[in-house]
């Protein structure tokens, strides 16, 4: 069944420092992935907003050039 009656005896050969270093590296890699995704989402949203603002500005400029008011008089 069990090789040793005491399970903690199996941990004497375990390299806790290496396991800790590996866990830290995995945490850093996961956080890098999260921030990379967040930066990509913000860049996409920002470029879409900029494009929309530019299109609106051009549309308003064309409308002003034709002599039309932006909103009807009340």
Protein backbone atom coordinates (compact mmCIF):
# COMPACT_ATOMS: atom_id res chain seq x y z
CA UNK A 1 0.00 0.00 0.00
CA UNK A 2 1.95 3.02 1.24
CA UNK A 3 5.69 2.95 0.99
CA UNK A 4 6.08 4.86 4.23
CA UNK A 5 3.71 5.05 7.17
CA UNK A 6 4.45 8.78 7.55
CA UNK A 7 3.41 10.87 4.48
CA UNK A 8 5.61 13.79 5.56
CA UNK A 9 8.66 11.58 5.02
CA UNK A 10 7.97 11.77 1.26
CA UNK A 11 8.34 15.56 1.40
CA UNK A 12 11.93 15.50 2.59
CA UNK A 13 13.23 15.19 -0.98
CA UNK A 14 10.82 17.80 -2.36
CA UNK A 15 12.48 21.04 -3.49
CA UNK A 16 10.20 23.70 -2.01
CA UNK A 17 12.37 26.56 -3.25
CA UNK A 18 12.15 25.37 -6.84
CA UNK A 19 8.39 24.87 -6.53
CA UNK A 20 8.03 28.40 -5.14
CA UNK A 21 10.10 29.85 -7.99
CA UNK A 22 8.01 27.98 -10.54
CA UNK A 23 4.76 29.17 -8.94
CA UNK A 24 6.00 32.78 -9.00
CA UNK A 25 6.96 32.47 -12.66
CA UNK A 26 3.53 31.11 -13.50
CA UNK A 27 1.84 33.94 -11.57
CA UNK A 28 3.90 36.53 -13.44
CA UNK A 29 3.07 34.90 -16.78
CA UNK A 30 -0.65 34.86 -15.95
CA UNK A 31 -0.62 38.54 -14.96
CA UNK A 32 1.26 39.41 -18.16
CA UNK A 33 -1.45 37.62 -20.15
CA UNK A 34 -4.19 39.51 -18.29
CA UNK A 35 -2.58 42.89 -18.88
CA UNK A 36 -1.78 42.06 -22.51
CA UNK A 37 -5.45 41.28 -23.10
CA UNK A 38 -6.60 44.41 -21.26
CA UNK A 39 -4.23 46.58 -23.27
CA UNK A 40 -5.46 45.06 -26.53
CA UNK A 41 -9.10 45.65 -25.55
CA UNK A 42 -8.39 49.27 -24.62
CA UNK A 43 -6.47 49.87 -27.84
CA UNK A 44 -9.32 48.46 -29.90
CA UNK A 45 -11.94 50.50 -28.06
CA UNK A 46 -9.81 53.64 -28.32
CA UNK A 47 -9.23 53.25 -32.05
CA UNK A 48 -12.96 52.62 -32.63
CA UNK A 49 -13.86 55.75 -30.65
CA UNK A 50 -11.28 57.82 -32.52
CA UNK A 51 -12.58 56.61 -35.87
CA UNK A 52 -16.17 57.44 -34.86
CA UNK A 53 -15.15 60.92 -33.72
CA UNK A 54 -13.29 61.55 -36.99
CA UNK A 55 -16.26 60.39 -39.05
CA UNK A 56 -18.58 62.69 -37.08
CA UNK A 57 -16.23 65.65 -37.53
CA UNK A 58 -16.05 65.07 -41.30
CA UNK A 59 -19.81 64.68 -41.52
CA UNK A 60 -20.38 67.93 -39.62
CA UNK A 61 -17.80 69.73 -41.77
CA UNK A 62 -19.54 68.57 -44.98
CA UNK A 63 -22.88 69.62 -43.58
CA UNK A 64 -21.52 73.06 -42.62
CA UNK A 65 -19.99 73.45 -46.09
CA UNK A 66 -23.43 72.88 -47.65
CA UNK A 67 -24.87 75.61 -45.43
CA UNK A 68 -27.13 73.34 -43.37
CA UNK A 69 -27.66 73.91 -39.71
CA UNK A 70 -26.63 71.17 -37.31
CA UNK A 71 -30.04 71.26 -35.61
CA UNK A 72 -33.39 72.74 -36.71
CA UNK A 73 -34.45 76.03 -35.15
CA UNK A 74 -37.18 75.74 -32.56
